[in-house]
Amino acid sequence: MNMQSGTLHANVALDNDWWRGAVIYQIYPRSFQDSNGDGIGDLRGIVQRIPYIASLGVDAIWISPFFTSPMKDFGYDVSNYCDVDPMFGSIQDFDAVIQTAHKHGVKVLIDLVLSHTSEEHPWFVESRVSKDNAKANWYVWADPKPDGNPPNNWLSIFGGSAWQWDGRRQQYYLHNFLREQPDLNFHEPAVQAALLDVARFWLERGVNGFRLDTINFYVHDKQLRDNPPLAPELRNATIAPQVNPYNHQEHLYDKNQPENLAFLRKLRAVMEPFNAAAVGEVGDAQKGLEILGEYTAGDDLMHMCYAFEFLANERPTAQEVAQVMGRVDEVAAEGWPCWAYSNHDVRRHASRWNVGLEGQKLMTTLMMCLRGSACIYQGEELGLVEADVSFDDLQDPYGIEFWPEFKGRDGCRTPMVWETSNQNAGFSEGRPWLPVAPEHLASNAAAQEDDPEALLHHYRKAIAFRHAHMALAKGEHDGVKADGSVVYFTRMHEGEEIFCAFNLSDDPASVVLPTGRWEAIGTELGAVALPAGGNLSLGGWQCCLAIKAS
């Protein structure tokens, strides 16, 4: 349906702020559900499982790339932005995803990879032919230094130089990721126009918005200046693993350029008539929250940005949660974050954080009470741990490059476990592209449906709790504070006030209830009853949730 026809999309919601506080379920399509027995998940498989997704109570799904691709980076190397790779089905299958999701009240976000394409994209095939063809300037080309070396010291996140020599043009091209993923040149107006057309194509097919991959990588420094070194004490491994020298630079010039904002405004303007929303992935180890604030300020840039702080290797302490949220208040007061504990690029948090079932339940409740939107990665609602994938089964080029110090991303990408009717846990009748993890089998969705204490039911309750209280979904907060192992805050929206306190440890702890008349809520989430006085005692991994009496 085209907006120009004068008929509004059926999926345009009345609430322009539907994305604020939304809970988004990330689907990695290769590993979600295979419908045809080839061992690879597909769009028809997603259609099949939408009732399950809807049963979680989430507002939207985010589908990782399913576009035509040679799959060097599993779809994040796009060779046709406006079609479906046959591996995942057809464009009609995608239409069925949209229709089925909307029928179940679930919105659909798709993963747009605009910073780079595949080397097989027709744009790049044409661009590399010569220095004077129609698309010669569509990618980032540069002459070598006089000694033949690359034009500067920029590094690829996937290892080595970010520059690849091309013999035909006798120039280097930029690739911030794999060499098969050349970077588009956003200084070329025609490139921006073409990418905005891609966004329109999918919006007109009914998508409700986008997850924007590597949003801060779009524009590069036109002068191609060297990045300065970064002092060892300032390095961290939130964006690239510790073994990658990418962490040794301060990335002043290869990304995070101010010209990015003008493009984001154009993209927002394209999205506005469709009531669509975007969540931008900000990949920066030092300034991620500052960029989040910059990119989501006001109402003409991105709606929200995806933050990496809770994707860290160590489980955040109460103090660290307070520090992160305080930093957001400081540098992104006008902005809106989107929090995640797991995704397709990091070890699953059930393994990273090494917490038991009660700890996982409490951390889920915490996420649903924090200011911001939330992303859940497929399988985390089942408590899936990181799968142990042998080197012989490894598919991820990132892991193959840095094995064994970094084993890549395959351990979080193994197939979903649905039930026990076959050895592949209901994912496929054929041999899966990655092995189904034996350690996942007992955690399958069907078994958890039958267990009232299972994590799956807690996710449903926590999401429903968030939706029942607009203070949690859309409200402000009075600042997140920490006292020992307890993190606490109050959320407020249109007269509703909710006090939240979480004990992030095995040991008992206490916290003082704010003054006023409070009533206990959230008992279905294990929240404590309120005492007669103001001193609250919390058991290990226990919370207090209370609403101010009117």
Protein backbone atom coordinates (compact mmCIF):
# COMPACT_ATOMS: atom_id res chain seq x y z
CA MET A 1 0.00 0.00 0.00
CA ASN A 2 1.48 3.33 -1.00
CA MET A 3 1.03 6.41 1.16
CA GLN A 4 0.70 8.50 -2.00
CA SER A 5 -2.53 6.66 -2.80
CA GLY A 6 -4.19 8.73 -0.08
CA THR A 7 -4.94 5.63 2.03
CA LEU A 8 -3.18 5.31 5.36
CA HIS A 9 -1.35 2.12 6.22
CA ALA A 10 -3.45 -0.27 8.22
CA ASN A 11 -0.51 -0.58 10.62
CA VAL A 12 -0.18 3.12 11.45
CA ALA A 13 -0.97 3.26 15.15
CA LEU A 14 -2.72 6.20 16.77
CA ASP A 15 0.09 6.40 19.35
CA ASN A 16 3.00 8.28 17.79
CA ASP A 17 5.08 7.33 20.81
CA TRP A 18 4.45 3.57 20.53
CA TRP A 19 8.19 2.93 20.43
CA ARG A 20 8.87 4.65 23.75
CA GLY A 21 9.22 1.89 26.31
CA ALA A 22 8.46 -0.78 23.71
CA VAL A 23 9.68 -4.34 24.20
CA ILE A 24 11.27 -5.62 20.99
CA TYR A 25 12.01 -9.30 20.29
CA GLN A 26 15.07 -9.85 18.10
CA ILE A 27 14.86 -12.69 15.57
CA TYR A 28 18.02 -14.06 13.98
CA PRO A 29 16.22 -15.66 11.03
CA ARG A 30 18.83 -18.32 10.15
CA SER A 31 18.33 -19.86 13.57
CA PHE A 32 14.70 -19.23 14.47
CA GLN A 33 12.56 -21.75 12.56
CA ASP A 34 13.20 -23.74 9.38
CA SER A 35 10.03 -24.43 7.39
CA ASN A 36 11.44 -26.42 4.45
CA GLY A 37 14.00 -28.81 5.93
CA ASP A 38 17.15 -27.23 4.48
CA GLY A 39 18.59 -26.58 7.95
CA ILE A 40 18.32 -22.79 7.69
CA GLY A 41 15.61 -20.72 9.35
CA ASP A 42 13.40 -18.71 7.00
CA LEU A 43 10.55 -16.22 6.77
CA ARG A 44 7.82 -18.86 6.65
CA GLY A 45 9.30 -20.24 9.84
CA ILE A 46 8.88 -16.82 11.44
CA VAL A 47 5.24 -16.74 10.31
CA GLN A 48 4.76 -20.14 11.97
CA ARG A 49 6.13 -18.87 15.30
CA ILE A 50 4.45 -15.44 15.47
CA PRO A 51 1.73 -16.74 17.85
CA TYR A 52 4.52 -17.71 20.27
CA ILE A 53 6.13 -14.27 19.94
CA ALA A 54 2.77 -12.57 20.46
CA SER A 55 2.20 -14.70 23.57
CA LEU A 56 5.24 -13.03 25.15
CA GLY A 57 3.42 -9.69 24.99
CA VAL A 58 6.17 -7.90 23.04
CA ASP A 59 5.36 -4.79 21.03
CA ALA A 60 7.53 -5.52 18.00
CA ILE A 61 9.96 -7.90 16.38
CA TRP A 62 13.32 -6.92 14.92
CA ILE A 63 14.40 -9.27 12.16
CA SER A 64 18.12 -9.47 11.40
CA PRO A 65 18.95 -9.16 7.67
CA PHE A 66 17.16 -11.44 5.20
CA PHE A 67 18.11 -9.50 2.04
CA THR A 68 19.86 -10.96 -1.00
CA SER A 69 23.45 -11.61 0.08
CA PRO A 70 26.47 -13.83 -0.59
CA MET A 71 26.41 -14.40 3.20
CA LYS A 72 30.06 -13.64 3.91
CA ASP A 73 28.77 -12.00 7.10
CA PHE A 74 25.45 -13.83 7.21
CA GLY A 75 23.33 -11.17 5.55
CA TYR A 76 25.07 -8.08 6.90
CA ASP A 77 26.70 -7.96 3.45
CA VAL A 78 23.77 -6.92 1.25
CA SER A 79 23.81 -7.35 -2.53
CA ASN A 80 20.16 -6.27 -3.06
CA TYR A 81 18.44 -4.09 -0.47
CA CYS A 82 14.99 -4.56 -1.98
CA ASP A 83 14.60 -8.31 -2.22
CA VAL A 84 14.69 -11.43 -0.06
CA ASP A 85 17.53 -13.92 -0.33
CA PRO A 86 16.14 -17.22 -1.67
CA MET A 87 17.63 -18.90 1.40
CA PHE A 88 14.93 -17.14 3.46
CA GLY A 89 12.09 -17.36 0.96
CA SER A 90 10.47 -14.71 -1.21
CA ILE A 91 9.19 -11.16 -0.96
CA GLN A 92 5.69 -12.66 -0.69
CA ASP A 93 6.86 -14.62 2.36
CA PHE A 94 8.00 -11.34 3.88
CA ASP A 95 4.58 -9.84 3.17
CA ALA A 96 3.11 -12.81 5.07
CA VAL A 97 5.35 -11.99 8.04
CA ILE A 98 4.03 -8.41 8.05
CA GLN A 99 0.40 -9.45 7.70
CA THR A 100 0.60 -12.18 10.35
CA ALA A 101 2.50 -10.02 12.84
CA HIS A 102 0.06 -7.13 12.45
CA LYS A 103 -2.87 -9.52 12.83
CA HIS A 104 -1.39 -10.53 16.20
CA GLY A 105 -0.77 -6.92 17.24
CA VAL A 106 3.01 -7.10 16.76
CA LYS A 107 4.92 -4.46 14.83
CA VAL A 108 7.84 -5.32 12.53
CA LEU A 109 11.26 -3.66 12.45
CA ILE A 110 13.84 -4.77 9.91
CA ASP A 111 17.61 -4.51 10.13
CA LEU A 112 18.89 -1.99 7.58
CA VAL A 113 22.65 -2.15 6.92
CA LEU A 114 23.30 1.21 5.29
CA SER A 115 26.97 1.83 6.09
CA HIS A 116 28.28 -0.79 3.66
CA THR A 117 27.17 -3.27 1.02
CA SER A 118 28.45 -6.57 -0.29
CA GLU A 119 31.22 -6.40 -2.87
CA GLU A 120 28.69 -8.20 -5.10
CA HIS A 121 26.18 -5.35 -4.94
CA PRO A 122 25.68 -3.93 -8.48
CA TRP A 123 26.61 -0.49 -7.14
CA PHE A 124 30.07 -1.70 -6.13
CA VAL A 125 30.52 -3.86 -9.22
CA GLU A 126 30.05 -0.70 -11.29
CA SER A 127 32.05 1.55 -8.95
CA ARG A 128 35.21 -0.56 -9.11
CA VAL A 129 35.30 -0.67 -12.93
CA SER A 130 36.90 2.76 -13.32
CA LYS A 131 37.46 6.14 -11.71
CA ASP A 132 34.99 7.90 -14.02
CA ASN A 133 31.86 5.73 -14.18
CA ALA A 134 28.45 6.86 -12.91
CA LYS A 135 28.99 5.24 -9.50
CA ALA A 136 32.74 5.83 -9.22
CA ASN A 137 32.21 8.00 -6.14
CA TRP A 138 29.59 5.81 -4.41
CA TYR A 139 32.20 4.07 -2.26
CA VAL A 140 35.20 5.34 -0.28
CA TRP A 141 38.13 5.12 -2.68
CA ALA A 142 41.58 6.56 -1.96
CA ASP A 143 44.99 6.61 -3.60
CA PRO A 144 47.86 4.82 -1.85
CA LYS A 145 50.60 6.67 -0.05
CA PRO A 146 53.73 7.20 -2.20
CA ASP A 147 55.20 3.99 -0.77
CA GLY A 148 52.07 1.99 -1.74
CA ASN A 149 50.69 1.69 1.77
CA PRO A 150 47.04 2.44 2.62
CA PRO A 151 46.06 6.11 2.88
CA ASN A 152 45.83 6.07 6.68
CA ASN A 153 45.95 3.89 9.79
CA TRP A 154 42.25 2.98 10.07
CA LEU A 155 41.59 -0.59 11.20
CA SER A 156 38.78 -3.03 10.50
CA ILE A 157 36.66 -4.36 13.35
CA PHE A 158 37.15 -7.80 11.80
CA GLY A 159 40.95 -7.51 11.95
CA GLY A 160 43.74 -5.88 9.94
CA SER A 161 43.66 -2.71 7.88
CA ALA A 162 40.32 -1.13 6.96
CA TRP A 163 41.67 -0.65 3.43
CA GLN A 164 41.68 -3.20 0.59
CA TRP A 165 43.70 -2.73 -2.59
CA ASP A 166 41.80 -2.96 -5.87
CA GLY A 167 44.01 -3.66 -8.88
CA ARG A 168 41.58 -2.40 -11.50
CA ARG A 169 41.21 1.12 -10.08
CA GLN A 170 44.73 1.10 -8.62
CA GLN A 171 43.19 2.45 -5.42
CA TYR A 172 42.22 1.29 -1.96
CA TYR A 173 38.60 1.03 -0.81
CA LEU A 174 37.43 1.36 2.79
CA HIS A 175 35.85 -1.54 4.68
CA ASN A 176 35.21 -1.11 8.39
CA PHE A 177 34.21 -4.77 8.58
CA LEU A 178 35.05 -7.64 6.19
CA ARG A 179 36.94 -6.77 3.00
CA GLU A 180 33.87 -8.13 1.20
CA GLN A 181 31.87 -5.27 2.79
CA PRO A 182 32.98 -2.02 1.10
CA ASP A 183 31.82 1.17 2.80
CA LEU A 184 29.42 3.48 1.01
CA ASN A 185 30.45 7.12 0.56
CA PHE A 186 27.86 9.24 2.38
CA HIS A 187 29.53 12.40 1.11
CA GLU A 188 27.97 11.54 -2.26
CA PRO A 189 24.36 12.91 -2.36
CA ALA A 190 23.25 10.18 -4.77
CA VAL A 191 24.20 7.52 -2.22
CA GLN A 192 22.04 9.13 0.46
CA ALA A 193 19.14 9.44 -1.99
CA ALA A 194 19.40 5.77 -2.98
CA LEU A 195 19.42 4.63 0.65
CA LEU A 196 16.40 6.78 1.50
CA ASP A 197 14.63 5.07 -1.41
CA VAL A 198 15.45 1.71 0.22
CA ALA A 199 13.79 2.88 3.43
CA ARG A 200 10.70 4.01 1.47
CA PHE A 201 10.49 0.66 -0.32
CA TRP A 202 10.15 -1.26 2.96
CA LEU A 203 7.93 1.32 4.67
CA GLU A 204 5.52 1.09 1.75
CA ARG A 205 5.49 -2.71 2.22
CA GLY A 206 4.24 -2.13 5.76
CA VAL A 207 7.26 -2.28 8.06
CA ASN A 208 6.96 -0.24 11.24
CA GLY A 209 10.56 0.87 11.35
CA PHE A 210 14.17 -0.13 11.38
CA ARG A 211 17.03 -1.30 13.48
CA LEU A 212 19.94 0.59 11.93
CA ASP A 213 23.18 -1.34 11.92
CA THR A 214 26.37 0.55 12.83
CA ILE A 215 24.58 3.93 12.65
CA ASN A 216 27.66 5.92 13.68
CA PHE A 217 29.78 4.47 10.86
CA TYR A 218 27.84 6.05 8.00
CA VAL A 219 30.04 9.10 7.39
CA HIS A 220 33.85 9.09 7.36
CA ASP A 221 36.30 11.98 7.66
CA LYS A 222 36.63 13.45 4.18
CA GLN A 223 40.30 14.29 4.80
CA LEU A 224 41.06 10.67 5.80
CA ARG A 225 43.05 11.75 8.85
CA ASP A 226 44.83 9.13 10.97
CA ASN A 227 43.16 8.06 14.20
CA PRO A 228 45.29 8.87 17.26
CA PRO A 229 46.41 6.06 19.58
CA LEU A 230 44.30 5.29 22.65
CA ALA A 231 46.04 4.87 26.00
CA PRO A 232 45.93 1.26 27.25
CA GLU A 233 44.04 2.23 30.42
CA LEU A 234 41.21 3.71 28.31
CA ARG A 235 40.67 0.61 26.17
CA ASN A 236 37.72 -1.72 26.64
CA ALA A 237 36.31 -4.69 24.75
CA THR A 238 32.66 -3.68 24.44
CA ILE A 239 32.79 -3.24 20.64
CA ALA A 240 35.67 -5.50 19.57
CA PRO A 241 37.28 -8.37 21.52
CA GLN A 242 40.34 -7.60 23.60
CA VAL A 243 42.62 -9.46 21.16
CA ASN A 244 41.71 -7.04 18.35
CA PRO A 245 44.07 -4.03 17.88
CA TYR A 246 41.00 -2.02 16.79
CA ASN A 247 40.77 -1.17 20.49
CA HIS A 248 44.18 0.54 20.36
CA GLN A 249 42.88 3.59 18.49
CA GLU A 250 40.72 6.55 19.40
CA HIS A 251 38.20 6.44 16.56
CA LEU A 252 37.98 10.16 15.85
CA TYR A 253 37.91 10.03 12.07
CA ASP A 254 36.69 6.67 10.75
CA LYS A 255 33.24 7.13 12.36
CA ASN A 256 31.17 9.47 14.60
CA GLN A 257 31.34 12.37 12.12
CA PRO A 258 29.06 15.41 12.63
CA GLU A 259 27.76 15.20 9.03
CA ASN A 260 25.91 12.03 10.08
CA LEU A 261 23.19 14.13 11.72
CA ALA A 262 22.00 15.64 8.43
CA PHE A 263 21.41 12.19 6.96
CA LEU A 264 19.59 11.00 10.09
CA ARG A 265 17.24 13.99 9.79
CA LYS A 266 16.46 13.04 6.19
CA LEU A 267 15.78 9.45 7.23
CA ARG A 268 13.49 10.55 10.06
CA ALA A 269 11.56 12.76 7.63
CA VAL A 270 11.02 9.75 5.34
CA MET A 271 9.74 7.68 8.27
CA GLU A 272 7.40 10.26 9.81
CA PRO A 273 4.36 9.80 7.49
CA PHE A 274 4.40 6.07 8.27
CA ASN A 275 4.56 6.52 12.08
CA ALA A 276 7.65 4.34 11.91
CA ALA A 277 10.45 4.26 14.48
CA ALA A 278 14.15 3.52 14.35
CA VAL A 279 16.63 2.17 16.85
CA GLY A 280 20.20 2.97 15.89
CA GLU A 281 23.07 0.68 16.88
CA VAL A 282 25.90 2.88 18.18
CA GLY A 283 29.22 1.03 18.06
CA ASP A 284 31.72 3.00 20.11
CA ALA A 285 33.63 1.81 23.14
CA GLN A 286 34.41 5.24 24.57
CA LYS A 287 31.59 7.63 23.59
CA GLY A 288 28.60 5.37 22.98
CA LEU A 289 26.23 7.07 25.41
CA GLU A 290 27.25 10.56 24.28
CA ILE A 291 26.51 9.57 20.67
CA LEU A 292 23.21 8.04 21.80
CA GLY A 293 22.30 11.40 23.31
CA GLU A 294 23.38 13.29 20.21
CA TYR A 295 21.50 11.02 17.78
CA THR A 296 18.21 10.89 19.74
CA ALA A 297 17.93 14.52 20.88
CA GLY A 298 14.79 16.41 19.92
CA ASP A 299 12.15 15.00 17.58
CA ASP A 300 13.84 15.13 14.19
CA LEU A 301 16.65 12.56 14.60
CA MET A 302 16.44 8.90 15.64
CA HIS A 303 13.76 7.76 18.06
CA MET A 304 16.12 5.65 20.17
CA CYS A 305 19.60 4.16 20.12
CA TYR A 306 20.80 0.73 21.10
CA ALA A 307 23.20 0.90 24.04
CA PHE A 308 26.03 -1.59 24.68
CA GLU A 309 26.58 -0.97 28.40
CA PHE A 310 24.57 -4.01 29.56
CA LEU A 311 26.07 -6.23 26.84
CA ALA A 312 29.37 -6.18 28.74
CA ASN A 313 31.11 -9.38 29.81
CA GLU A 314 30.59 -8.79 33.53
CA ARG A 315 27.15 -8.59 35.11
CA PRO A 316 26.58 -4.97 36.11
CA THR A 317 26.65 -4.29 39.84
CA ALA A 318 24.13 -2.00 41.49
CA GLN A 319 26.73 0.78 41.36
CA GLU A 320 27.39 0.18 37.68
CA VAL A 321 23.68 0.25 36.80
CA ALA A 322 23.39 3.56 38.66
CA GLN A 323 26.49 4.92 36.92
CA VAL A 324 25.23 3.97 33.44
CA MET A 325 21.78 5.42 34.02
CA GLY A 326 23.27 8.54 35.60
CA ARG A 327 25.52 8.98 32.58
CA VAL A 328 22.48 8.73 30.30
CA ASP A 329 20.76 11.44 32.37
CA GLU A 330 23.88 13.58 31.96
CA VAL A 331 24.64 13.19 28.25
CA ALA A 332 21.30 12.02 26.80
CA ALA A 333 18.69 13.82 28.89
CA GLU A 334 16.58 14.51 25.79
CA GLY A 335 17.31 11.11 24.26
CA TRP A 336 15.93 7.61 24.62
CA PRO A 337 18.04 4.46 25.06
CA CYS A 338 17.16 0.90 24.12
CA TRP A 339 18.66 -1.68 26.48
CA ALA A 340 19.65 -5.28 25.78
CA TYR A 341 21.43 -8.00 27.74
CA SER A 342 22.03 -10.33 24.77
CA ASN A 343 22.06 -10.21 20.97
CA HIS A 344 23.49 -11.98 17.92
CA ASP A 345 26.98 -10.53 18.47
CA VAL A 346 27.76 -11.30 22.13
CA ARG A 347 27.89 -14.33 24.41
CA ARG A 348 24.49 -15.05 25.90
CA HIS A 349 24.08 -13.29 29.23
CA ALA A 350 23.08 -16.47 31.07
CA SER A 351 26.71 -17.52 30.52
CA ARG A 352 28.44 -14.12 30.61
CA TRP A 353 26.94 -13.24 33.96
CA ASN A 354 26.89 -16.73 35.50
CA VAL A 355 23.70 -16.12 37.46
CA GLY A 356 21.11 -18.74 38.30
CA LEU A 357 17.41 -18.76 37.52
CA GLU A 358 16.46 -16.30 40.27
CA GLY A 359 19.18 -13.90 39.13
CA GLN A 360 17.99 -14.08 35.54
CA LYS A 361 14.42 -13.41 36.64
CA LEU A 362 15.40 -10.36 38.68
CA MET A 363 17.61 -8.90 35.93
CA THR A 364 14.66 -9.27 33.52
CA THR A 365 12.35 -7.44 35.92
CA LEU A 366 14.98 -4.71 36.29
CA MET A 367 15.18 -4.22 32.52
CA MET A 368 11.41 -3.86 32.33
CA CYS A 369 11.51 -1.13 34.98
CA LEU A 370 14.42 0.94 33.65
CA ARG A 371 13.82 4.11 31.66
CA GLY A 372 14.21 3.20 27.99
CA SER A 373 13.00 0.59 25.53
CA ALA A 374 14.11 -3.04 25.72
CA CYS A 375 15.34 -5.67 23.29
CA ILE A 376 15.08 -9.38 23.99
CA TYR A 377 17.19 -11.78 21.91
CA GLN A 378 15.58 -15.03 20.81
CA GLY A 379 16.14 -17.75 23.39
CA GLU A 380 17.01 -15.51 26.32
CA GLU A 381 13.44 -15.95 27.54
CA LEU A 382 14.32 -19.65 27.80
CA GLY A 383 17.52 -18.92 29.72
CA LEU A 384 19.70 -20.39 26.98
CA VAL A 385 23.40 -20.44 27.81
CA GLU A 386 26.17 -19.84 25.28
CA ALA A 387 26.49 -22.95 23.10
CA ASP A 388 29.85 -24.66 22.84
CA VAL A 389 30.54 -24.77 19.08
CA SER A 390 33.62 -26.72 18.01
CA PHE A 391 36.11 -25.18 15.59
CA ASP A 392 35.09 -27.73 12.94
CA ASP A 393 31.48 -26.48 13.12
CA LEU A 394 32.39 -22.79 13.22
CA GLN A 395 30.77 -20.58 10.58
CA ASP A 396 31.58 -17.04 11.79
CA PRO A 397 34.57 -15.47 9.97
CA TYR A 398 35.19 -13.29 13.02
CA GLY A 399 35.69 -16.36 15.22
CA ILE A 400 37.80 -18.16 12.64
CA GLU A 401 40.09 -15.10 12.47
CA PHE A 402 40.65 -14.76 16.23
CA TRP A 403 40.22 -18.37 17.44
CA PRO A 404 40.77 -19.57 20.16
CA GLU A 405 41.12 -16.38 22.22
CA PHE A 406 37.83 -15.19 20.69
CA LYS A 407 35.53 -17.96 19.48
CA GLY A 408 33.26 -15.72 17.43
CA ARG A 409 29.52 -15.28 17.54
CA ASP A 410 28.26 -18.74 16.62
CA GLY A 411 27.71 -19.75 20.25
CA CYS A 412 24.80 -17.30 20.55
CA ARG A 413 23.45 -18.07 17.07
CA THR A 414 22.67 -21.77 17.36
CA PRO A 415 19.07 -22.80 16.56
CA MET A 416 16.13 -22.12 18.86
CA VAL A 417 14.89 -25.10 20.84
CA TRP A 418 11.14 -25.50 20.50
CA GLU A 419 10.33 -29.04 21.62
CA THR A 420 11.76 -32.56 21.83
CA SER A 421 10.00 -34.34 18.96
CA ASN A 422 13.23 -34.63 16.98
CA GLN A 423 16.97 -34.34 17.59
CA ASN A 424 16.92 -30.76 16.26
CA ALA A 425 14.49 -29.58 18.95
CA GLY A 426 11.76 -28.77 16.42
CA PHE A 427 13.93 -26.24 14.58
CA SER A 428 14.41 -28.28 11.39
CA GLU A 429 13.80 -31.66 9.80
CA GLY A 430 17.19 -31.35 8.08
CA ARG A 431 20.75 -30.86 9.30
CA PRO A 432 20.93 -27.37 10.90
CA TRP A 433 23.49 -24.86 9.63
CA LEU A 434 24.87 -24.77 13.17
CA PRO A 435 24.39 -27.73 15.52
CA VAL A 436 21.53 -27.59 18.01
CA ALA A 437 23.28 -27.30 21.38
CA PRO A 438 22.73 -30.44 23.50
CA GLU A 439 22.89 -28.23 26.60
CA HIS A 440 19.82 -26.34 25.32
CA LEU A 441 17.50 -29.29 24.79
CA ALA A 442 16.05 -29.43 28.31
CA SER A 443 15.25 -25.70 28.14
CA ASN A 444 12.97 -26.01 25.10
CA ALA A 445 9.90 -23.79 24.88
CA ALA A 446 7.34 -26.61 25.09
CA ALA A 447 8.86 -27.94 28.32
CA GLN A 448 8.86 -24.46 29.84
CA GLU A 449 5.21 -23.94 28.90
CA ASP A 450 4.43 -26.87 31.20
CA ASP A 451 6.52 -25.55 34.10
CA PRO A 452 4.88 -22.64 35.95
CA GLU A 453 8.23 -21.69 37.53
CA ALA A 454 10.06 -21.52 34.18
CA LEU A 455 11.84 -18.38 33.05
CA LEU A 456 9.58 -18.13 29.99
CA HIS A 457 6.56 -17.38 32.19
CA HIS A 458 8.54 -14.78 34.14
CA TYR A 459 9.35 -12.92 30.91
CA ARG A 460 5.65 -12.84 30.05
CA LYS A 461 4.76 -11.53 33.51
CA ALA A 462 7.53 -8.90 33.50
CA ILE A 463 6.54 -7.62 30.06
CA ALA A 464 2.86 -7.52 31.07
CA PHE A 465 3.82 -5.63 34.24
CA ARG A 466 5.65 -3.01 32.19
CA HIS A 467 2.65 -2.59 29.90
CA ALA A 468 0.26 -2.30 32.84
CA HIS A 469 2.12 0.76 34.18
CA MET A 470 2.79 3.69 31.88
CA ALA A 471 5.24 5.05 34.47
CA LEU A 472 7.50 2.09 33.64
CA ALA A 473 7.00 2.21 29.88
CA LYS A 474 7.18 5.93 29.21
CA GLY A 475 7.81 7.74 32.46
CA GLU A 476 10.70 9.75 33.82
CA HIS A 477 12.75 8.72 36.85
CA ASP A 478 14.18 10.49 39.87
CA GLY A 479 17.69 9.20 39.20
CA VAL A 480 18.93 5.65 39.63
CA LYS A 481 20.75 5.14 42.93
CA ALA A 482 22.71 2.32 44.53
CA ASP A 483 23.21 1.29 48.14
CA GLY A 484 25.44 -1.76 48.49
CA SER A 485 23.93 -4.46 46.29
CA VAL A 486 20.59 -2.65 45.95
CA VAL A 487 19.74 -0.44 42.97
CA TYR A 488 16.61 1.69 43.37
CA PHE A 489 14.64 4.51 41.74
CA THR A 490 11.14 5.92 41.29
CA ARG A 491 9.39 6.16 37.91
CA MET A 492 6.71 8.79 37.30
CA HIS A 493 4.15 9.43 34.55
CA GLU A 494 0.91 11.45 34.60
CA GLY A 495 0.34 11.06 38.33
CA GLU A 496 1.47 7.43 38.60
CA GLU A 497 4.55 6.87 40.81
CA ILE A 498 6.25 3.49 41.15
CA PHE A 499 9.15 2.76 43.48
CA CYS A 500 11.50 -0.02 42.33
CA ALA A 501 14.33 -1.63 44.30
CA PHE A 502 16.42 -4.65 43.26
CA ASN A 503 18.90 -6.67 45.28
CA LEU A 504 21.56 -7.75 42.77
CA SER A 505 23.21 -10.37 44.97
CA ASP A 506 22.77 -13.71 46.72
CA ASP A 507 22.88 -12.08 50.15
CA PRO A 508 20.03 -10.35 51.99
CA ALA A 509 19.97 -6.55 51.83
CA SER A 510 17.79 -3.67 52.97
CA VAL A 511 16.54 -0.37 51.59
CA VAL A 512 14.42 2.45 52.96
CA LEU A 513 11.03 3.02 51.35
CA PRO A 514 10.48 6.68 50.35
CA THR A 515 8.07 8.70 52.47
CA GLY A 516 4.42 8.49 51.55
CA ARG A 517 1.72 5.83 51.35
CA TRP A 518 2.80 2.91 49.18
CA GLU A 519 1.04 -0.27 48.10
CA ALA A 520 2.89 -3.42 47.06
CA ILE A 521 2.57 -4.50 43.42
CA GLY A 522 4.37 -7.07 41.30
CA THR A 523 3.89 -9.99 43.66
CA GLU A 524 3.65 -12.21 40.57
CA LEU A 525 7.28 -11.22 39.91
CA GLY A 526 8.40 -12.21 43.41
CA ALA A 527 8.29 -8.68 44.81
CA VAL A 528 8.24 -8.46 48.61
CA ALA A 529 5.27 -7.46 50.74
CA LEU A 530 5.63 -4.04 52.32
CA PRO A 531 6.45 -3.86 56.04
CA ALA A 532 4.61 -1.65 58.50
CA GLY A 533 7.65 0.62 58.83
CA GLY A 534 9.85 2.13 56.14
CA ASN A 535 12.71 -0.40 56.25
CA LEU A 536 12.51 -3.00 53.52
CA SER A 537 14.30 -6.34 53.76
CA LEU A 538 15.15 -7.97 50.44
CA GLY A 539 16.25 -11.55 50.08
CA GLY A 540 18.89 -12.54 47.57
CA TRP A 541 17.77 -11.59 44.03
CA GLN A 542 14.55 -10.11 45.32
CA CYS A 543 12.84 -6.83 44.44
CA CYS A 544 10.39 -4.36 45.88
CA LEU A 545 7.80 -2.83 43.57
CA ALA A 546 5.38 -0.34 45.06
CA ILE A 547 2.87 2.19 43.76
CA LYS A 548 2.12 5.45 45.53
CA ALA A 549 -1.41 5.50 46.87
CA SER A 550 -3.52 8.37 45.62
